């Protein structure tokens, strides 16, 4: 199976050169660590930063440069800083080529649930709803199952939806999956993972490409 780092690296390979890419909170933020400057990708953070770089080493930490999860990050050459109103105008205006978000559940129809953990206090949905609807392409990074073993790739959401029919691709520790309406298509399996492993761990039909 893929590690957290390998999931982020696999996602980095999904991104087209020269794209404007939003990285959500959590695992998606690691993707920036695996994209070199030669690819011309500009990472966007919804709190108002375009040109977000990798996480800084200890001697390069600037507490004023943070991502949407309040983690310190770096800025690449040519980066821009602006207010959240401008940031969301970019998202809602369709100027983000790819959004990479975390997920709690993804349905085969492309529906996404990623903001409410049952039994836990939450402050709200944040920018996920805008990103799910405004980005040209949406990739979700998540574990294949919850801590209790319940599958997070399902036929129908059991958690409150963030947005409907918005997810294009899901990457988990078991492989890469596309949403195809009434089933998932596994386009790549992680090393050592069988088709039987994936079918058993997925609460929706899976076809293998």
N, C-alpha and C. Protein backbone atom coordinates (compact mmCIF):
# COMPACT_ATOMS: atom_id res chain seq x y z
N UNK A 1 0.84 -1.20 0.00
CA UNK A 1 0.00 0.00 0.00
C UNK A 1 0.88 1.25 0.00
N UNK A 2 0.31 2.35 -0.46
CA UNK A 2 1.05 3.61 -0.46
C UNK A 2 1.03 4.25 0.93
N UNK A 3 2.13 4.90 1.27
CA UNK A 3 2.20 5.71 2.48
C UNK A 3 1.57 7.07 2.21
N UNK A 4 1.45 7.86 3.26
CA UNK A 4 0.94 9.23 3.11
C UNK A 4 1.80 10.01 2.10
N UNK A 5 3.11 9.86 2.21
CA UNK A 5 4.01 10.58 1.31
C UNK A 5 3.83 10.11 -0.12
N UNK A 6 3.64 8.81 -0.31
CA UNK A 6 3.47 8.27 -1.66
C UNK A 6 2.15 8.69 -2.28
N UNK A 7 1.10 8.84 -1.46
CA UNK A 7 -0.17 9.36 -1.97
C UNK A 7 0.02 10.78 -2.49
N UNK A 8 0.71 11.61 -1.70
CA UNK A 8 0.96 13.00 -2.12
C UNK A 8 1.81 13.04 -3.39
N UNK A 9 2.81 12.19 -3.46
CA UNK A 9 3.67 12.15 -4.66
C UNK A 9 2.88 11.69 -5.88
N UNK A 10 2.00 10.71 -5.69
CA UNK A 10 1.18 10.23 -6.81
C UNK A 10 0.24 11.33 -7.28
N UNK A 11 -0.28 12.11 -6.34
CA UNK A 11 -1.14 13.24 -6.71
C UNK A 11 -0.37 14.28 -7.49
N UNK A 12 0.88 14.53 -7.09
CA UNK A 12 1.70 15.52 -7.79
C UNK A 12 1.83 15.18 -9.27
N UNK A 13 1.87 13.89 -9.58
CA UNK A 13 1.98 13.46 -10.98
C UNK A 13 0.70 13.73 -11.77
N UNK A 14 -0.42 13.97 -11.06
CA UNK A 14 -1.70 14.25 -11.70
C UNK A 14 -1.79 15.68 -12.22
N UNK A 15 -0.96 16.55 -11.71
CA UNK A 15 -1.13 17.98 -11.96
C UNK A 15 -0.48 18.39 -13.27
N UNK A 16 -1.20 19.09 -14.13
CA UNK A 16 -0.61 19.54 -15.40
C UNK A 16 0.37 20.69 -15.19
N UNK A 17 1.44 20.69 -15.93
CA UNK A 17 2.41 21.77 -15.84
C UNK A 17 1.74 23.11 -16.14
N UNK A 18 2.13 24.14 -15.40
CA UNK A 18 1.59 25.47 -15.61
C UNK A 18 0.22 25.71 -15.00
N UNK A 19 -0.28 24.76 -14.22
CA UNK A 19 -1.64 24.87 -13.67
C UNK A 19 -1.66 25.73 -12.41
N UNK A 20 -2.85 26.27 -12.11
CA UNK A 20 -3.13 26.92 -10.84
C UNK A 20 -3.89 25.90 -9.99
N UNK A 21 -3.30 25.52 -8.86
CA UNK A 21 -3.80 24.39 -8.08
C UNK A 21 -4.05 24.81 -6.64
N UNK A 22 -5.25 24.54 -6.13
CA UNK A 22 -5.55 24.80 -4.72
C UNK A 22 -5.29 23.53 -3.92
N UNK A 23 -4.59 23.67 -2.80
CA UNK A 23 -4.34 22.54 -1.91
C UNK A 23 -5.13 22.74 -0.63
N UNK A 24 -6.00 21.78 -0.32
CA UNK A 24 -6.81 21.86 0.88
C UNK A 24 -6.01 21.52 2.12
N UNK A 25 -6.67 21.56 3.27
CA UNK A 25 -6.05 21.31 4.57
C UNK A 25 -5.76 19.82 4.73
N UNK A 26 -4.68 19.50 5.43
CA UNK A 26 -4.34 18.11 5.72
C UNK A 26 -3.40 17.53 4.69
N UNK A 27 -3.66 16.28 4.32
CA UNK A 27 -2.80 15.57 3.37
C UNK A 27 -2.54 16.33 2.08
N UNK A 28 -3.52 17.03 1.49
CA UNK A 28 -3.23 17.76 0.24
C UNK A 28 -2.07 18.75 0.34
N UNK A 29 -1.83 19.33 1.52
CA UNK A 29 -0.74 20.30 1.62
C UNK A 29 0.62 19.68 1.35
N UNK A 30 0.75 18.37 1.54
CA UNK A 30 2.02 17.69 1.30
C UNK A 30 2.39 17.63 -0.18
N UNK A 31 1.41 17.81 -1.05
CA UNK A 31 1.66 17.68 -2.49
C UNK A 31 2.70 18.68 -2.98
N UNK A 32 2.70 19.88 -2.39
CA UNK A 32 3.64 20.91 -2.81
C UNK A 32 5.09 20.49 -2.62
N UNK A 33 5.35 19.55 -1.73
CA UNK A 33 6.71 19.08 -1.48
C UNK A 33 7.28 18.27 -2.64
N UNK A 34 6.42 17.83 -3.55
CA UNK A 34 6.84 16.93 -4.63
C UNK A 34 6.69 17.54 -6.02
N UNK A 35 6.57 18.86 -6.07
CA UNK A 35 6.46 19.56 -7.36
C UNK A 35 7.61 20.56 -7.47
N UNK A 36 8.48 20.34 -8.44
CA UNK A 36 9.63 21.22 -8.63
C UNK A 36 9.25 22.49 -9.36
N UNK A 37 10.06 23.56 -9.24
CA UNK A 37 9.75 24.84 -9.90
C UNK A 37 9.75 24.77 -11.41
N UNK A 38 10.44 23.77 -11.96
CA UNK A 38 10.50 23.65 -13.42
C UNK A 38 9.14 23.33 -14.04
N UNK A 39 8.17 22.90 -13.24
CA UNK A 39 6.85 22.55 -13.78
C UNK A 39 5.93 23.76 -13.91
N UNK A 40 6.29 24.87 -13.32
CA UNK A 40 5.51 26.09 -13.48
C UNK A 40 4.14 26.05 -12.85
N UNK A 41 3.95 25.22 -11.83
CA UNK A 41 2.67 25.12 -11.14
C UNK A 41 2.62 26.14 -10.02
N UNK A 42 1.51 26.88 -9.93
CA UNK A 42 1.31 27.83 -8.84
C UNK A 42 0.25 27.29 -7.90
N UNK A 43 0.65 27.09 -6.64
CA UNK A 43 -0.29 26.59 -5.64
C UNK A 43 -1.01 27.74 -4.96
N UNK A 44 -2.31 27.56 -4.83
CA UNK A 44 -3.20 28.58 -4.28
C UNK A 44 -3.70 28.13 -2.92
N UNK A 45 -3.70 29.04 -1.96
CA UNK A 45 -4.27 28.78 -0.63
C UNK A 45 -5.41 29.76 -0.41
N UNK A 46 -6.55 29.26 0.06
CA UNK A 46 -7.76 30.07 0.09
C UNK A 46 -7.69 31.26 1.04
N UNK A 47 -6.71 31.26 1.94
CA UNK A 47 -6.58 32.42 2.84
C UNK A 47 -5.91 33.61 2.16
N UNK A 48 -5.48 33.44 0.89
CA UNK A 48 -4.99 34.58 0.13
C UNK A 48 -3.55 34.52 -0.30
N UNK A 49 -3.14 33.38 -0.83
CA UNK A 49 -1.76 33.21 -1.30
C UNK A 49 -1.75 32.42 -2.60
N UNK A 50 -1.12 32.97 -3.62
CA UNK A 50 -0.90 32.27 -4.89
C UNK A 50 0.61 32.21 -5.10
N UNK A 51 1.12 30.98 -5.19
CA UNK A 51 2.56 30.81 -5.27
C UNK A 51 3.12 30.21 -3.99
N UNK A 52 2.31 29.34 -3.38
CA UNK A 52 2.73 28.67 -2.14
C UNK A 52 3.75 27.59 -2.45
N UNK A 53 4.83 27.58 -1.67
CA UNK A 53 5.86 26.58 -1.86
C UNK A 53 5.77 25.47 -0.84
N UNK A 54 6.85 24.73 -0.72
CA UNK A 54 6.89 23.60 0.22
C UNK A 54 6.97 24.11 1.66
N UNK A 55 6.83 23.19 2.60
CA UNK A 55 7.00 23.55 4.01
C UNK A 55 8.45 23.99 4.25
N UNK A 56 8.67 25.01 5.09
CA UNK A 56 10.02 25.53 5.29
C UNK A 56 10.84 24.69 6.26
N UNK A 57 12.17 24.76 6.10
CA UNK A 57 13.06 24.22 7.12
C UNK A 57 13.03 25.17 8.32
N UNK A 58 13.51 24.70 9.46
CA UNK A 58 13.40 25.48 10.70
C UNK A 58 14.03 26.86 10.59
N UNK A 59 15.12 26.97 9.84
CA UNK A 59 15.82 28.26 9.75
C UNK A 59 15.17 29.20 8.74
N UNK A 60 14.08 28.76 8.09
CA UNK A 60 13.42 29.60 7.09
C UNK A 60 11.95 29.86 7.43
N UNK A 61 11.54 29.57 8.66
CA UNK A 61 10.14 29.74 9.05
C UNK A 61 9.81 31.23 9.20
N UNK A 62 8.73 31.66 8.53
CA UNK A 62 8.21 33.01 8.69
C UNK A 62 6.77 32.87 9.18
N UNK A 63 6.47 33.26 10.41
CA UNK A 63 5.13 33.05 10.97
C UNK A 63 4.03 33.82 10.25
N UNK A 64 4.40 34.75 9.39
CA UNK A 64 3.39 35.52 8.65
C UNK A 64 3.00 34.85 7.33
N UNK A 65 3.72 33.82 6.94
CA UNK A 65 3.41 33.12 5.69
C UNK A 65 2.82 31.77 6.05
N UNK A 66 1.50 31.67 5.94
CA UNK A 66 0.80 30.46 6.36
C UNK A 66 -0.20 30.02 5.28
N UNK A 67 -0.59 28.74 5.35
CA UNK A 67 -1.63 28.24 4.46
C UNK A 67 -2.98 28.28 5.16
N UNK A 68 -4.00 27.72 4.53
CA UNK A 68 -5.36 27.79 5.09
C UNK A 68 -5.49 27.00 6.38
N UNK A 69 -4.58 26.07 6.63
CA UNK A 69 -4.59 25.31 7.87
C UNK A 69 -3.71 25.91 8.95
N UNK A 70 -3.25 27.15 8.71
CA UNK A 70 -2.41 27.90 9.65
C UNK A 70 -1.03 27.27 9.86
N UNK A 71 -0.58 26.49 8.87
CA UNK A 71 0.78 25.96 8.89
C UNK A 71 1.71 26.93 8.17
N UNK A 72 2.92 27.07 8.65
CA UNK A 72 3.87 27.93 7.96
C UNK A 72 4.32 27.27 6.66
N UNK A 73 4.39 28.07 5.60
CA UNK A 73 4.80 27.59 4.29
C UNK A 73 5.81 28.57 3.70
N UNK A 74 6.26 28.28 2.51
CA UNK A 74 7.16 29.19 1.80
C UNK A 74 6.43 29.78 0.60
N UNK A 75 7.03 30.78 -0.02
CA UNK A 75 6.50 31.37 -1.24
C UNK A 75 7.54 31.22 -2.34
N UNK A 76 7.07 30.90 -3.54
CA UNK A 76 7.98 30.80 -4.68
C UNK A 76 8.15 32.17 -5.32
N UNK A 77 9.12 32.29 -6.20
CA UNK A 77 9.35 33.55 -6.90
C UNK A 77 8.11 33.91 -7.72
N UNK A 78 7.66 35.15 -7.60
CA UNK A 78 6.47 35.60 -8.33
C UNK A 78 5.17 35.40 -7.58
N UNK A 79 5.25 34.98 -6.32
CA UNK A 79 4.03 34.74 -5.52
C UNK A 79 3.29 36.05 -5.24
N UNK A 80 1.99 35.93 -5.01
CA UNK A 80 1.14 37.08 -4.70
C UNK A 80 0.35 36.83 -3.43
N UNK A 81 0.12 37.89 -2.66
CA UNK A 81 -0.68 37.82 -1.44
C UNK A 81 -1.86 38.78 -1.58
N UNK A 82 -3.04 38.35 -1.17
CA UNK A 82 -4.25 39.16 -1.33
C UNK A 82 -5.25 38.77 -0.26
N UNK A 83 -6.38 39.49 -0.20
CA UNK A 83 -7.36 39.19 0.85
C UNK A 83 -8.24 38.00 0.45
N UNK A 84 -9.03 37.52 1.42
CA UNK A 84 -9.83 36.33 1.18
C UNK A 84 -10.95 36.58 0.16
N UNK A 85 -11.42 37.83 0.06
CA UNK A 85 -12.45 38.14 -0.94
C UNK A 85 -11.92 37.91 -2.35
N UNK A 86 -10.70 38.38 -2.60
CA UNK A 86 -10.07 38.16 -3.90
C UNK A 86 -9.80 36.67 -4.12
N UNK A 87 -9.38 35.99 -3.07
CA UNK A 87 -9.08 34.57 -3.18
C UNK A 87 -10.32 33.78 -3.60
N UNK A 88 -11.46 34.08 -2.96
CA UNK A 88 -12.68 33.35 -3.31
C UNK A 88 -13.26 33.80 -4.64
N UNK A 89 -12.97 35.01 -5.06
CA UNK A 89 -13.37 35.44 -6.40
C UNK A 89 -12.63 34.62 -7.46
N UNK A 90 -11.37 34.30 -7.18
CA UNK A 90 -10.61 33.44 -8.09
C UNK A 90 -11.24 32.05 -8.16
N UNK A 91 -11.61 31.52 -6.99
CA UNK A 91 -12.19 30.17 -6.94
C UNK A 91 -13.55 30.15 -7.63
N UNK A 92 -14.42 31.07 -7.26
CA UNK A 92 -15.78 31.07 -7.81
C UNK A 92 -15.81 31.48 -9.28
N UNK A 93 -14.77 32.20 -9.71
CA UNK A 93 -14.71 32.62 -11.10
C UNK A 93 -14.14 31.58 -12.04
N UNK A 94 -13.79 30.41 -11.51
CA UNK A 94 -13.30 29.32 -12.36
C UNK A 94 -11.85 29.45 -12.76
N UNK A 95 -11.05 30.14 -11.94
CA UNK A 95 -9.65 30.36 -12.29
C UNK A 95 -8.71 29.34 -11.66
N UNK A 96 -9.25 28.39 -10.90
CA UNK A 96 -8.44 27.32 -10.32
C UNK A 96 -8.57 26.09 -11.22
N UNK A 97 -7.44 25.63 -11.73
CA UNK A 97 -7.47 24.49 -12.66
C UNK A 97 -7.75 23.18 -11.94
N UNK A 98 -7.12 22.97 -10.80
CA UNK A 98 -7.29 21.73 -10.04
C UNK A 98 -7.40 22.07 -8.56
N UNK A 99 -8.35 21.46 -7.87
CA UNK A 99 -8.43 21.54 -6.41
C UNK A 99 -8.12 20.15 -5.87
N UNK A 100 -7.27 20.12 -4.85
CA UNK A 100 -6.94 18.86 -4.18
C UNK A 100 -7.46 18.97 -2.75
N UNK A 101 -8.45 18.16 -2.41
CA UNK A 101 -9.09 18.23 -1.11
C UNK A 101 -9.01 16.89 -0.38
N UNK A 102 -9.12 16.93 0.94
CA UNK A 102 -9.28 15.72 1.71
C UNK A 102 -10.72 15.28 1.66
N UNK A 103 -10.98 14.03 2.04
CA UNK A 103 -12.35 13.53 2.00
C UNK A 103 -12.67 12.63 3.18
N UNK A 104 -13.94 12.66 3.59
CA UNK A 104 -14.46 11.71 4.57
C UNK A 104 -15.22 10.59 3.88
N UNK A 105 -15.89 10.93 2.79
CA UNK A 105 -16.57 9.95 1.93
C UNK A 105 -16.63 10.51 0.51
N UNK A 106 -16.52 9.62 -0.46
CA UNK A 106 -16.78 9.96 -1.85
C UNK A 106 -17.71 8.89 -2.41
N UNK A 107 -18.78 9.32 -3.07
CA UNK A 107 -19.71 8.39 -3.70
C UNK A 107 -19.31 8.16 -5.15
N UNK A 108 -19.74 7.03 -5.69
CA UNK A 108 -19.42 6.69 -7.08
C UNK A 108 -19.96 7.73 -8.06
N UNK A 109 -20.98 8.46 -7.65
CA UNK A 109 -21.55 9.52 -8.47
C UNK A 109 -20.67 10.77 -8.51
N UNK A 110 -19.64 10.81 -7.66
CA UNK A 110 -18.79 11.99 -7.57
C UNK A 110 -19.19 12.93 -6.45
N UNK A 111 -20.18 12.54 -5.64
CA UNK A 111 -20.56 13.36 -4.49
C UNK A 111 -19.46 13.31 -3.42
N UNK A 112 -19.25 14.45 -2.74
CA UNK A 112 -18.18 14.55 -1.75
C UNK A 112 -18.74 14.96 -0.39
N UNK A 113 -18.27 14.29 0.65
CA UNK A 113 -18.52 14.70 2.04
C UNK A 113 -17.16 14.86 2.70
N UNK A 114 -16.85 16.07 3.15
CA UNK A 114 -15.51 16.25 3.75
C UNK A 114 -15.47 17.31 4.84
N UNK A 115 -16.62 17.63 5.43
CA UNK A 115 -16.58 18.73 6.40
C UNK A 115 -17.13 18.39 7.78
N UNK A 116 -17.89 17.33 7.92
CA UNK A 116 -18.52 17.04 9.21
C UNK A 116 -18.13 15.66 9.70
N UNK A 117 -17.48 15.60 10.85
CA UNK A 117 -17.15 14.34 11.50
C UNK A 117 -18.22 14.08 12.56
N UNK A 118 -18.97 13.01 12.45
CA UNK A 118 -20.05 12.75 13.42
C UNK A 118 -19.55 12.78 14.86
N UNK A 119 -20.26 13.49 15.72
CA UNK A 119 -19.93 13.53 17.13
C UNK A 119 -18.84 14.51 17.51
N UNK A 120 -18.34 15.26 16.54
CA UNK A 120 -17.28 16.23 16.84
C UNK A 120 -17.74 17.64 16.49
N UNK A 121 -17.25 18.61 17.26
CA UNK A 121 -17.56 20.00 17.00
C UNK A 121 -16.81 20.48 15.77
N UNK A 122 -17.50 21.19 14.91
CA UNK A 122 -16.86 21.76 13.72
C UNK A 122 -17.24 23.23 13.61
N UNK A 123 -16.37 24.01 13.00
CA UNK A 123 -16.65 25.44 12.84
C UNK A 123 -17.39 25.74 11.55
N UNK A 124 -17.51 24.77 10.67
CA UNK A 124 -18.22 25.00 9.42
C UNK A 124 -17.50 24.36 8.25
N UNK A 125 -18.05 24.55 7.08
CA UNK A 125 -17.56 23.89 5.89
C UNK A 125 -16.29 24.53 5.34
N UNK A 126 -16.02 25.78 5.68
CA UNK A 126 -14.86 26.45 5.12
C UNK A 126 -15.03 26.70 3.63
N UNK A 127 -13.95 26.59 2.89
CA UNK A 127 -14.01 26.88 1.45
C UNK A 127 -14.25 25.67 0.59
N UNK A 128 -14.48 24.50 1.20
CA UNK A 128 -14.60 23.27 0.41
C UNK A 128 -15.74 23.32 -0.60
N UNK A 129 -16.88 23.88 -0.20
CA UNK A 129 -18.03 23.94 -1.10
C UNK A 129 -17.70 24.78 -2.33
N UNK A 130 -17.03 25.91 -2.13
CA UNK A 130 -16.67 26.77 -3.26
C UNK A 130 -15.66 26.08 -4.17
N UNK A 131 -14.67 25.43 -3.57
CA UNK A 131 -13.64 24.75 -4.36
C UNK A 131 -14.22 23.58 -5.15
N UNK A 132 -15.12 22.82 -4.51
CA UNK A 132 -15.71 21.67 -5.18
C UNK A 132 -16.52 22.07 -6.40
N UNK A 133 -17.11 23.24 -6.34
CA UNK A 133 -17.93 23.71 -7.46
C UNK A 133 -17.17 24.62 -8.42
N UNK A 134 -16.14 25.31 -7.94
CA UNK A 134 -15.48 26.29 -8.77
C UNK A 134 -14.26 25.80 -9.53
N UNK A 135 -13.58 24.77 -9.01
CA UNK A 135 -12.38 24.26 -9.68
C UNK A 135 -12.76 23.48 -10.94
N UNK A 136 -11.88 23.53 -11.93
CA UNK A 136 -12.16 22.81 -13.17
C UNK A 136 -12.04 21.30 -13.00
N UNK A 137 -11.20 20.87 -12.07
CA UNK A 137 -11.02 19.45 -11.80
C UNK A 137 -10.80 19.27 -10.30
N UNK A 138 -11.38 18.21 -9.73
CA UNK A 138 -11.28 17.97 -8.30
C UNK A 138 -10.70 16.58 -8.03
N UNK A 139 -9.59 16.57 -7.30
CA UNK A 139 -8.94 15.32 -6.88
C UNK A 139 -9.04 15.24 -5.36
N UNK A 140 -9.48 14.10 -4.85
CA UNK A 140 -9.62 13.90 -3.41
C UNK A 140 -8.57 12.91 -2.92
N UNK A 141 -7.88 13.29 -1.85
CA UNK A 141 -6.91 12.40 -1.20
C UNK A 141 -7.49 11.98 0.15
N UNK A 142 -7.56 10.68 0.39
CA UNK A 142 -8.14 10.20 1.63
C UNK A 142 -7.71 8.75 1.86
N UNK A 143 -7.89 8.28 3.10
CA UNK A 143 -7.70 6.86 3.35
C UNK A 143 -8.89 6.11 2.77
N UNK A 144 -8.67 4.84 2.45
CA UNK A 144 -9.72 4.07 1.81
C UNK A 144 -10.84 3.73 2.78
N UNK A 145 -10.49 3.66 4.07
CA UNK A 145 -11.48 3.32 5.10
C UNK A 145 -11.28 4.20 6.31
N UNK A 146 -12.34 4.36 7.09
CA UNK A 146 -12.27 5.10 8.35
C UNK A 146 -11.55 4.24 9.39
N UNK A 147 -11.29 4.83 10.55
CA UNK A 147 -10.57 4.11 11.61
C UNK A 147 -11.30 2.86 12.08
N UNK A 148 -12.64 2.87 11.95
CA UNK A 148 -13.40 1.70 12.37
C UNK A 148 -13.53 0.66 11.27
N UNK A 149 -12.86 0.89 10.14
CA UNK A 149 -12.88 -0.05 9.03
C UNK A 149 -13.96 0.19 8.01
N UNK A 150 -14.83 1.16 8.26
CA UNK A 150 -15.92 1.48 7.32
C UNK A 150 -15.36 2.11 6.06
N UNK A 151 -15.79 1.62 4.91
CA UNK A 151 -15.30 2.14 3.64
C UNK A 151 -15.68 3.60 3.44
N UNK A 152 -14.77 4.36 2.86
CA UNK A 152 -15.02 5.77 2.56
C UNK A 152 -15.29 5.99 1.08
N UNK A 153 -15.25 4.91 0.28
CA UNK A 153 -15.70 4.94 -1.11
C UNK A 153 -17.01 4.17 -1.16
N UNK A 154 -18.10 4.90 -1.41
CA UNK A 154 -19.43 4.34 -1.22
C UNK A 154 -20.32 4.57 -2.44
N UNK A 155 -21.43 3.87 -2.47
CA UNK A 155 -22.42 4.08 -3.54
C UNK A 155 -23.21 5.37 -3.31
N UNK A 156 -23.51 5.64 -2.03
CA UNK A 156 -24.29 6.82 -1.65
C UNK A 156 -23.75 7.36 -0.34
N UNK A 157 -23.62 8.68 -0.26
CA UNK A 157 -23.08 9.30 0.95
C UNK A 157 -23.95 8.99 2.16
N UNK A 158 -23.28 8.77 3.30
CA UNK A 158 -23.98 8.64 4.57
C UNK A 158 -23.73 9.87 5.44
N UNK A 159 -22.77 10.71 5.06
CA UNK A 159 -22.45 11.94 5.77
C UNK A 159 -23.01 13.13 5.00
N UNK A 160 -23.18 14.27 5.67
CA UNK A 160 -23.68 15.46 4.96
C UNK A 160 -22.78 15.84 3.79
N UNK A 161 -23.39 16.15 2.67
CA UNK A 161 -22.64 16.44 1.45
C UNK A 161 -21.98 17.81 1.48
N UNK A 162 -20.81 17.88 0.91
CA UNK A 162 -20.16 19.16 0.65
C UNK A 162 -20.62 19.69 -0.70
N UNK A 163 -20.60 18.82 -1.71
CA UNK A 163 -21.06 19.16 -3.06
C UNK A 163 -21.37 17.87 -3.80
N UNK A 164 -22.21 17.98 -4.82
CA UNK A 164 -22.66 16.81 -5.56
C UNK A 164 -22.00 16.73 -6.94
N UNK A 165 -21.70 15.51 -7.37
CA UNK A 165 -21.16 15.23 -8.71
C UNK A 165 -19.98 16.13 -9.05
N UNK A 166 -19.07 16.25 -8.11
CA UNK A 166 -17.95 17.18 -8.28
C UNK A 166 -16.59 16.50 -8.35
N UNK A 167 -16.46 15.27 -7.83
CA UNK A 167 -15.16 14.61 -7.73
C UNK A 167 -14.82 13.91 -9.05
N UNK A 168 -13.63 14.17 -9.54
CA UNK A 168 -13.16 13.49 -10.75
C UNK A 168 -12.33 12.26 -10.42
N UNK A 169 -11.45 12.38 -9.41
CA UNK A 169 -10.52 11.30 -9.11
C UNK A 169 -10.27 11.23 -7.61
N UNK A 170 -10.10 10.00 -7.09
CA UNK A 170 -9.78 9.76 -5.69
C UNK A 170 -8.49 8.96 -5.62
N UNK A 171 -7.60 9.38 -4.72
CA UNK A 171 -6.36 8.62 -4.51
C UNK A 171 -6.32 8.20 -3.05
N UNK A 172 -6.20 6.90 -2.81
CA UNK A 172 -6.11 6.36 -1.47
C UNK A 172 -4.83 5.52 -1.37
N UNK A 173 -4.62 4.92 -0.20
CA UNK A 173 -3.44 4.06 -0.04
C UNK A 173 -3.52 2.80 -0.90
N UNK A 174 -4.74 2.49 -1.42
CA UNK A 174 -4.90 1.28 -2.23
C UNK A 174 -4.78 1.52 -3.72
N UNK A 175 -4.98 2.77 -4.17
CA UNK A 175 -4.90 3.02 -5.60
C UNK A 175 -5.54 4.34 -6.03
N UNK A 176 -5.77 4.42 -7.34
CA UNK A 176 -6.35 5.62 -7.96
C UNK A 176 -7.69 5.23 -8.58
N UNK A 177 -8.72 6.03 -8.27
CA UNK A 177 -10.08 5.68 -8.66
C UNK A 177 -10.80 6.86 -9.31
N UNK A 178 -11.53 6.58 -10.37
CA UNK A 178 -12.39 7.58 -11.00
C UNK A 178 -13.84 7.28 -10.68
N UNK A 179 -14.64 8.34 -10.52
CA UNK A 179 -16.07 8.20 -10.26
C UNK A 179 -16.79 8.01 -11.59
N UNK A 180 -17.60 6.96 -11.69
CA UNK A 180 -18.23 6.63 -12.96
C UNK A 180 -19.74 6.46 -12.85
N UNK A 181 -20.36 7.14 -11.89
CA UNK A 181 -21.82 7.13 -11.79
C UNK A 181 -22.34 6.07 -10.84
N UNK A 182 -22.40 4.83 -11.30
CA UNK A 182 -22.89 3.76 -10.43
C UNK A 182 -21.76 2.84 -9.97
N UNK A 183 -20.51 3.21 -10.26
CA UNK A 183 -19.36 2.42 -9.83
C UNK A 183 -18.11 3.27 -9.87
N UNK A 184 -17.04 2.75 -9.30
CA UNK A 184 -15.72 3.36 -9.41
C UNK A 184 -14.91 2.58 -10.44
N UNK A 185 -14.02 3.29 -11.11
CA UNK A 185 -13.06 2.64 -12.01
C UNK A 185 -11.68 2.76 -11.37
N UNK A 186 -11.06 1.63 -11.11
CA UNK A 186 -9.70 1.63 -10.56
C UNK A 186 -8.73 1.73 -11.73
N UNK A 187 -8.06 2.86 -11.83
CA UNK A 187 -7.15 3.09 -12.96
C UNK A 187 -5.71 2.72 -12.60
N UNK A 188 -5.43 2.53 -11.31
CA UNK A 188 -4.09 2.13 -10.88
C UNK A 188 -4.18 1.54 -9.48
N UNK A 189 -3.51 0.40 -9.28
CA UNK A 189 -3.44 -0.21 -7.95
C UNK A 189 -2.08 0.07 -7.33
N UNK A 190 -2.06 0.31 -6.03
CA UNK A 190 -0.79 0.48 -5.33
C UNK A 190 -0.05 -0.85 -5.32
N UNK A 191 1.27 -0.83 -5.22
CA UNK A 191 2.05 -2.07 -5.23
C UNK A 191 1.60 -3.03 -4.13
N UNK A 192 1.42 -4.29 -4.52
CA UNK A 192 1.04 -5.31 -3.55
C UNK A 192 -0.43 -5.39 -3.24
N UNK A 193 -1.24 -4.53 -3.85
CA UNK A 193 -2.68 -4.52 -3.61
C UNK A 193 -3.39 -5.25 -4.75
N UNK A 194 -4.23 -6.21 -4.42
CA UNK A 194 -4.93 -7.00 -5.43
C UNK A 194 -6.30 -6.41 -5.73
N UNK A 195 -6.90 -6.86 -6.81
CA UNK A 195 -8.26 -6.45 -7.14
C UNK A 195 -9.22 -6.90 -6.04
N UNK A 196 -8.97 -8.07 -5.46
CA UNK A 196 -9.82 -8.57 -4.39
C UNK A 196 -9.72 -7.68 -3.15
N UNK A 197 -8.51 -7.21 -2.83
CA UNK A 197 -8.33 -6.30 -1.69
C UNK A 197 -9.18 -5.05 -1.87
N UNK A 198 -9.16 -4.50 -3.08
CA UNK A 198 -9.89 -3.26 -3.34
C UNK A 198 -11.40 -3.49 -3.31
N UNK A 199 -11.86 -4.55 -3.94
CA UNK A 199 -13.30 -4.83 -3.96
C UNK A 199 -13.83 -5.04 -2.54
N UNK A 200 -13.05 -5.73 -1.70
CA UNK A 200 -13.47 -5.98 -0.32
C UNK A 200 -13.52 -4.70 0.50
N UNK A 201 -12.63 -3.75 0.20
CA UNK A 201 -12.53 -2.52 1.00
C UNK A 201 -13.43 -1.40 0.51
N UNK A 202 -14.15 -1.61 -0.60
CA UNK A 202 -14.95 -0.56 -1.22
C UNK A 202 -16.43 -0.88 -1.13
N UNK A 203 -17.22 0.07 -0.63
CA UNK A 203 -18.66 -0.14 -0.44
C UNK A 203 -19.44 0.30 -1.67
N UNK A 204 -18.90 0.02 -2.83
CA UNK A 204 -19.55 0.31 -4.11
C UNK A 204 -18.91 -0.59 -5.14
N UNK A 205 -19.56 -0.87 -6.25
CA UNK A 205 -18.93 -1.69 -7.28
C UNK A 205 -17.67 -1.03 -7.83
N UNK A 206 -16.68 -1.84 -8.14
CA UNK A 206 -15.42 -1.34 -8.72
C UNK A 206 -15.11 -2.11 -9.99
N UNK A 207 -14.78 -1.38 -11.05
CA UNK A 207 -14.29 -2.00 -12.27
C UNK A 207 -12.82 -1.64 -12.42
N UNK A 208 -12.08 -2.52 -13.03
CA UNK A 208 -10.64 -2.33 -13.11
C UNK A 208 -10.23 -2.05 -14.55
N UNK A 209 -9.50 -0.89 -14.70
CA UNK A 209 -9.10 -0.48 -16.04
C UNK A 209 -7.80 -1.16 -16.45
